[in-house]
Amino acid sequence: MRFVSSEIFPPVPTETARAARSVFGRSNFYLATGDQVNSLFSGIILEDPHGRIHKPSRSQAMLYLITIFQYVETLPDNSAADALRLRTDWKYALHLPLTYPGLSASSFCEFRKWLLSDRTGEQTLQTILTRLSEVMLVTGKPCFSLPSGDIVRKVCLLSRLAMVWDSIGEILGVLAGKQPEWLRTVNLPHWYERYGNHQKTINLVARDSELEALAQQIGADGDYLLKAISDAHDLALANLPEILGMKQIWKDQYVLGEGKISWRKDACAYCSSPIHEKGFNEKINRTGTERRSA
């Protein structure tokens, strides 16, 4: 299904406009984007990835822009979901009410998977990037130096890396609480430095080669830990929800061959969504409902 966009975003809700303008100036990138948002999509044909989303135009437009915002700020999916839920500047850019509850982080991944499999969607993103470059010049931000496909793959890399890092950090925290003695027997010396400081974050602005090298190191740590759990022959340990979730993530994000684990190079192609496709569509449909009530 195709939809030609026109004025797909309603006016910025009054409370959102008042709150955003009291904090940010007109030269703020997100406020400038919100002021021009309908012109960014003028005449663009928006595709419905599943052919079942009710009035998808605004939903699709939001996801295109969120992908761009993630790239601009080097935000993985979970951080972007928080920004959409909490930040006034993002809500202004997307013409959302202050009470907008946000979208699931998995919605962003599902959208990128579609973008990378659909040439038309990728071309649409490129058109939006070109138009948005004028906004970036006015607000002092550097223009986009990568083509749309590379931008999508960069956001995939950030999100996938954050996911595996968060996963193993969470597992080690759970094991430290539930199986501290066992964890001491398998703990590797560098784990505390890499995962033990909860205030530490990944340097997501590093070069792709550095990010992929870190992903490889995390993969090896996770593979070692999962093998140690398997060798323990402890069903209660092996069936912890966090362990089962980590197994699925490692299956999605890594390839195991000839005793060596390797980071997948396929962007988000193998990511498993924690929600069913029906749930994804319901999340997207909610945007249209809230547009009418805003």
Protein backbone atom coordinates (compact mmCIF):
# COMPACT_ATOMS: atom_id res chain seq x y z
CA MET A 1 0.00 0.00 0.00
CA ARG A 2 1.21 3.53 -0.79
CA PHE A 3 0.21 6.88 0.64
CA VAL A 4 1.18 10.27 -0.80
CA SER A 5 1.93 12.54 2.11
CA SER A 6 0.64 16.09 2.39
CA GLU A 7 0.10 17.78 5.76
CA ILE A 8 0.57 14.53 7.64
CA PHE A 9 1.63 16.19 10.89
CA PRO A 10 -1.01 18.26 12.71
CA PRO A 11 0.02 21.52 14.42
CA VAL A 12 2.35 21.17 17.39
CA PRO A 13 0.16 20.75 20.50
CA THR A 14 -0.02 24.00 22.45
CA GLU A 15 1.49 22.60 25.66
CA THR A 16 4.35 20.98 23.76
CA ALA A 17 5.11 24.22 21.92
CA ARG A 18 5.03 26.27 25.12
CA ALA A 19 7.27 23.83 27.01
CA ALA A 20 9.80 23.46 24.20
CA ARG A 21 10.07 27.17 23.40
CA SER A 22 10.58 28.03 27.06
CA VAL A 23 13.77 25.94 27.05
CA PHE A 24 15.08 25.88 23.48
CA GLY A 25 15.66 28.63 20.97
CA ARG A 26 14.43 28.64 17.38
CA SER A 27 17.90 27.62 16.24
CA ASN A 28 17.58 24.30 18.07
CA PHE A 29 17.78 21.46 15.55
CA TYR A 30 14.65 19.69 16.81
CA LEU A 31 12.54 22.83 16.97
CA ALA A 32 13.68 23.81 13.49
CA THR A 33 12.83 20.31 12.29
CA GLY A 34 9.37 20.53 13.85
CA ASP A 35 8.76 23.86 12.15
CA GLN A 36 9.60 22.37 8.74
CA VAL A 37 8.44 18.80 9.24
CA ASN A 38 5.57 18.76 6.75
CA SER A 39 7.74 20.23 4.01
CA LEU A 40 10.25 17.42 4.58
CA PHE A 41 7.62 14.92 3.45
CA SER A 42 5.88 17.01 0.80
CA GLY A 43 4.96 14.84 -2.19
CA ILE A 44 6.77 11.78 -0.84
CA ILE A 45 5.11 8.39 -1.31
CA LEU A 46 5.20 6.57 2.00
CA GLU A 47 5.21 2.79 1.96
CA ASP A 48 3.36 0.61 4.46
CA PRO A 49 5.85 -2.18 5.34
CA HIS A 50 3.19 -4.75 6.23
CA GLY A 51 0.22 -3.54 4.22
CA ARG A 52 -1.92 -3.58 7.34
CA ILE A 53 -1.17 -0.39 9.28
CA HIS A 54 -4.19 1.89 9.54
CA LYS A 55 -3.36 5.32 8.06
CA PRO A 56 0.39 4.77 8.28
CA SER A 57 1.58 8.09 6.87
CA ARG A 58 2.40 9.84 10.15
CA SER A 59 3.65 6.62 11.73
CA GLN A 60 6.06 6.04 8.87
CA ALA A 61 7.18 9.66 8.87
CA MET A 62 7.93 9.47 12.60
CA LEU A 63 10.03 6.34 12.16
CA TYR A 64 12.04 7.90 9.35
CA LEU A 65 12.80 10.91 11.53
CA ILE A 66 13.56 8.85 14.64
CA THR A 67 16.12 6.87 12.62
CA ILE A 68 17.77 10.15 11.62
CA PHE A 69 17.68 11.48 15.19
CA GLN A 70 19.37 8.28 16.38
CA TYR A 71 22.16 8.78 13.88
CA VAL A 72 22.60 12.46 14.77
CA GLU A 73 22.95 11.65 18.49
CA THR A 74 24.47 8.14 18.19
CA LEU A 75 21.53 6.75 20.17
CA PRO A 76 20.79 3.01 20.34
CA ASP A 77 17.18 1.90 20.29
CA ASN A 78 16.53 1.84 24.04
CA SER A 79 17.95 5.34 24.47
CA ALA A 80 15.88 6.57 21.52
CA ALA A 81 12.75 5.07 23.06
CA ASP A 82 13.53 6.99 26.27
CA ALA A 83 14.09 10.20 24.30
CA LEU A 84 10.77 9.82 22.50
CA ARG A 85 8.98 9.27 25.80
CA LEU A 86 10.72 11.95 27.86
CA ARG A 87 12.20 14.70 25.73
CA THR A 88 10.24 17.82 24.89
CA ASP A 89 12.45 18.70 21.91
CA TRP A 90 11.76 15.35 20.24
CA LYS A 91 8.03 15.72 20.87
CA TYR A 92 8.11 19.18 19.32
CA ALA A 93 9.94 17.87 16.25
CA LEU A 94 7.33 15.13 15.82
CA HIS A 95 4.32 17.29 16.84
CA LEU A 96 3.43 15.01 19.74
CA PRO A 97 1.61 15.84 22.98
CA LEU A 98 3.66 15.96 26.17
CA THR A 99 1.72 12.93 27.41
CA TYR A 100 2.71 10.77 24.43
CA PRO A 101 3.86 7.44 25.94
CA GLY A 102 6.32 6.53 23.20
CA LEU A 103 6.98 3.43 21.11
CA SER A 104 8.73 0.17 21.84
CA ALA A 105 12.44 0.17 21.00
CA SER A 106 11.83 -2.92 18.89
CA SER A 107 9.63 -0.84 16.58
CA PHE A 108 12.73 1.04 15.44
CA CYS A 109 14.60 -2.18 14.66
CA GLU A 110 11.64 -3.58 12.73
CA PHE A 111 11.48 -0.39 10.67
CA ARG A 112 15.19 -0.50 9.84
CA LYS A 113 14.94 -4.12 8.76
CA TRP A 114 12.24 -3.08 6.32
CA LEU A 115 14.28 -0.09 5.12
CA LEU A 116 17.28 -2.26 4.32
CA SER A 117 15.14 -4.73 2.39
CA ASP A 118 13.18 -2.15 0.41
CA ARG A 119 14.92 0.07 -2.12
CA THR A 120 12.03 2.54 -2.22
CA GLY A 121 12.16 3.09 1.53
CA GLU A 122 15.90 3.70 1.38
CA GLN A 123 15.42 6.23 -1.43
CA THR A 124 12.72 7.98 0.59
CA LEU A 125 15.10 8.28 3.53
CA GLN A 126 17.72 9.77 1.22
CA THR A 127 15.24 12.39 0.03
CA ILE A 128 14.38 13.32 3.62
CA LEU A 129 18.08 13.55 4.51
CA THR A 130 18.70 15.88 1.58
CA ARG A 131 15.83 18.16 2.60
CA LEU A 132 16.84 18.06 6.25
CA SER A 133 20.37 19.19 5.36
CA GLU A 134 19.01 22.72 4.93
CA VAL A 135 17.70 22.64 8.50
CA MET A 136 21.07 21.39 9.72
CA LEU A 137 22.90 24.24 8.01
CA VAL A 138 20.66 26.81 9.70
CA THR A 139 21.12 25.21 13.14
CA GLY A 140 24.88 24.78 12.80
CA LYS A 141 24.92 20.99 12.67
CA PRO A 142 27.16 19.27 10.10
CA CYS A 143 25.34 17.90 7.08
CA PHE A 144 25.04 14.18 6.53
CA SER A 145 28.17 12.68 4.99
CA LEU A 146 26.85 9.14 4.53
CA PRO A 147 24.20 7.80 2.15
CA SER A 148 20.92 6.64 3.65
CA GLY A 149 21.76 2.94 3.65
CA ASP A 150 24.99 3.51 5.58
CA ILE A 151 23.16 5.69 8.09
CA VAL A 152 20.63 2.92 8.73
CA ARG A 153 23.41 0.34 9.12
CA LYS A 154 25.24 2.64 11.54
CA VAL A 155 22.16 2.92 13.75
CA CYS A 156 21.79 -0.88 13.59
CA LEU A 157 25.40 -1.28 14.73
CA LEU A 158 24.92 1.10 17.66
CA SER A 159 21.72 -0.61 18.77
CA ARG A 160 23.01 -4.16 18.41
CA LEU A 161 26.20 -3.37 20.30
CA ALA A 162 24.30 -1.68 23.13
CA MET A 163 21.97 -4.69 23.30
CA VAL A 164 24.72 -7.30 23.75
CA TRP A 165 26.61 -5.09 26.20
CA ASP A 166 23.49 -4.47 28.28
CA SER A 167 22.58 -8.16 28.14
CA ILE A 168 25.83 -9.52 29.51
CA GLY A 169 26.02 -6.75 32.12
CA GLU A 170 22.52 -7.63 33.30
CA ILE A 171 23.36 -11.34 33.44
CA LEU A 172 26.46 -10.76 35.54
CA GLY A 173 24.44 -8.62 37.92
CA VAL A 174 21.80 -11.34 38.28
CA LEU A 175 24.42 -14.04 38.82
CA ALA A 176 26.24 -11.91 41.40
CA GLY A 177 22.99 -11.78 43.37
CA LYS A 178 21.76 -15.36 42.89
CA GLN A 179 24.89 -17.43 42.31
CA PRO A 180 27.83 -15.41 43.72
CA GLU A 181 29.99 -18.40 44.64
CA TRP A 182 29.56 -20.05 41.25
CA LEU A 183 30.24 -16.76 39.46
CA ARG A 184 33.57 -16.40 41.29
CA THR A 185 34.68 -19.74 39.85
CA VAL A 186 34.13 -18.67 36.24
CA ASN A 187 34.70 -14.91 36.44
CA LEU A 188 37.31 -13.55 34.02
CA PRO A 189 39.67 -10.84 35.31
CA HIS A 190 38.57 -8.14 32.85
CA TRP A 191 34.84 -8.55 33.44
CA TYR A 192 34.58 -6.09 36.31
CA GLU A 193 36.37 -3.39 34.35
CA ARG A 194 34.27 -3.99 31.25
CA TYR A 195 30.84 -4.66 32.77
CA GLY A 196 30.99 -4.08 36.52
CA ASN A 197 30.73 -0.29 36.59
CA HIS A 198 27.06 0.46 35.98
CA GLN A 199 27.86 4.13 35.34
CA LYS A 200 30.21 3.24 32.49
CA THR A 201 28.86 3.55 28.97
CA ILE A 202 30.10 2.46 25.57
CA ASN A 203 31.85 5.04 23.43
CA LEU A 204 29.35 4.86 20.60
CA VAL A 205 31.03 7.68 18.68
CA ALA A 206 34.08 5.49 18.08
CA ARG A 207 34.93 4.27 14.58
CA ASP A 208 32.91 1.37 13.24
CA SER A 209 35.98 -0.87 13.32
CA GLU A 210 36.41 -0.17 17.05
CA LEU A 211 32.73 -0.81 17.75
CA GLU A 212 32.85 -4.09 15.85
CA ALA A 213 36.01 -5.12 17.72
CA LEU A 214 34.24 -4.45 21.03
CA ALA A 215 31.22 -6.43 19.82
CA GLN A 216 33.56 -9.32 19.05
CA GLN A 217 35.08 -9.18 22.54
CA ILE A 218 31.65 -9.07 24.18
CA GLY A 219 30.59 -12.01 22.02
CA ALA A 220 33.55 -14.08 23.20
CA ASP A 221 32.78 -13.22 26.84
CA GLY A 222 29.14 -14.19 26.40
CA ASP A 223 30.01 -17.42 24.62
CA TYR A 224 32.40 -18.35 27.43
CA LEU A 225 29.75 -17.59 30.05
CA LEU A 226 27.02 -19.56 28.28
CA LYS A 227 29.33 -22.57 27.94
CA ALA A 228 30.18 -22.35 31.65
CA ILE A 229 26.46 -22.28 32.48
CA SER A 230 25.87 -25.30 30.26
CA ASP A 231 28.75 -27.19 31.88
CA ALA A 232 27.33 -26.49 35.34
CA HIS A 233 24.35 -28.79 34.59
CA ASP A 234 22.16 -26.62 36.80
CA LEU A 235 18.66 -26.36 35.33
CA ALA A 236 17.63 -23.56 37.67
CA LEU A 237 20.61 -21.55 36.50
CA ALA A 238 20.22 -22.39 32.81
CA ASN A 239 16.51 -21.54 32.84
CA LEU A 240 16.80 -18.09 34.35
CA PRO A 241 14.83 -15.74 32.06
CA GLU A 242 17.87 -13.51 31.65
CA ILE A 243 19.99 -16.48 30.53
CA LEU A 244 17.37 -17.63 28.04
CA GLY A 245 17.12 -14.11 26.69
CA MET A 246 20.89 -13.86 26.33
CA LYS A 247 21.02 -17.16 24.44
CA GLN A 248 18.55 -15.80 21.90
CA ILE A 249 20.45 -12.53 21.55
CA TRP A 250 23.74 -14.36 20.96
CA LYS A 251 22.06 -16.59 18.40
CA ASP A 252 20.75 -13.50 16.62
CA GLN A 253 23.89 -11.38 16.74
CA TYR A 254 26.72 -13.88 16.33
CA VAL A 255 27.71 -16.78 14.11
CA LEU A 256 29.37 -19.79 15.71
CA GLY A 257 31.57 -21.80 13.37
CA GLU A 258 34.58 -24.05 13.89
CA GLY A 259 34.67 -23.19 17.57
CA LYS A 260 34.90 -19.44 16.89
CA ILE A 261 32.19 -16.86 17.48
CA SER A 262 31.86 -14.00 14.99
CA TRP A 263 29.82 -10.79 14.98
CA ARG A 264 27.21 -10.80 12.23
CA LYS A 265 27.70 -8.22 9.47
CA ASP A 266 24.04 -8.25 8.43
CA ALA A 267 22.86 -5.09 10.24
CA CYS A 268 19.52 -5.85 11.95
CA ALA A 269 18.57 -8.71 9.62
CA TYR A 270 18.71 -11.41 12.29
CA CYS A 271 17.34 -9.45 15.25
CA SER A 272 14.43 -11.17 16.96
CA SER A 273 11.66 -8.80 17.94
CA PRO A 274 10.53 -9.21 21.56
CA ILE A 275 7.01 -8.42 20.37
CA HIS A 276 5.02 -10.16 17.69
CA GLU A 277 4.38 -8.39 14.42
CA LYS A 278 0.80 -7.83 15.53
CA GLY A 279 2.09 -5.99 18.57
CA PHE A 280 4.34 -3.87 16.37
CA ASN A 281 1.39 -2.86 14.22
CA GLU A 282 -0.71 -2.05 17.25
CA LYS A 283 2.06 0.21 18.55
CA ILE A 284 2.26 2.01 15.22
CA ASN A 285 -1.52 2.29 14.89
CA ARG A 286 -1.64 4.02 18.27
CA THR A 287 0.14 7.01 16.74
CA GLY A 288 -2.78 7.64 14.41
CA THR A 289 -5.21 7.45 17.31
CA GLU A 290 -3.20 9.92 19.33
CA ARG A 291 -2.93 12.29 16.40
CA ARG A 292 -6.71 12.53 16.29
CA SER A 293 -6.96 13.09 20.05
CA ALA A 294 -4.03 15.53 20.33
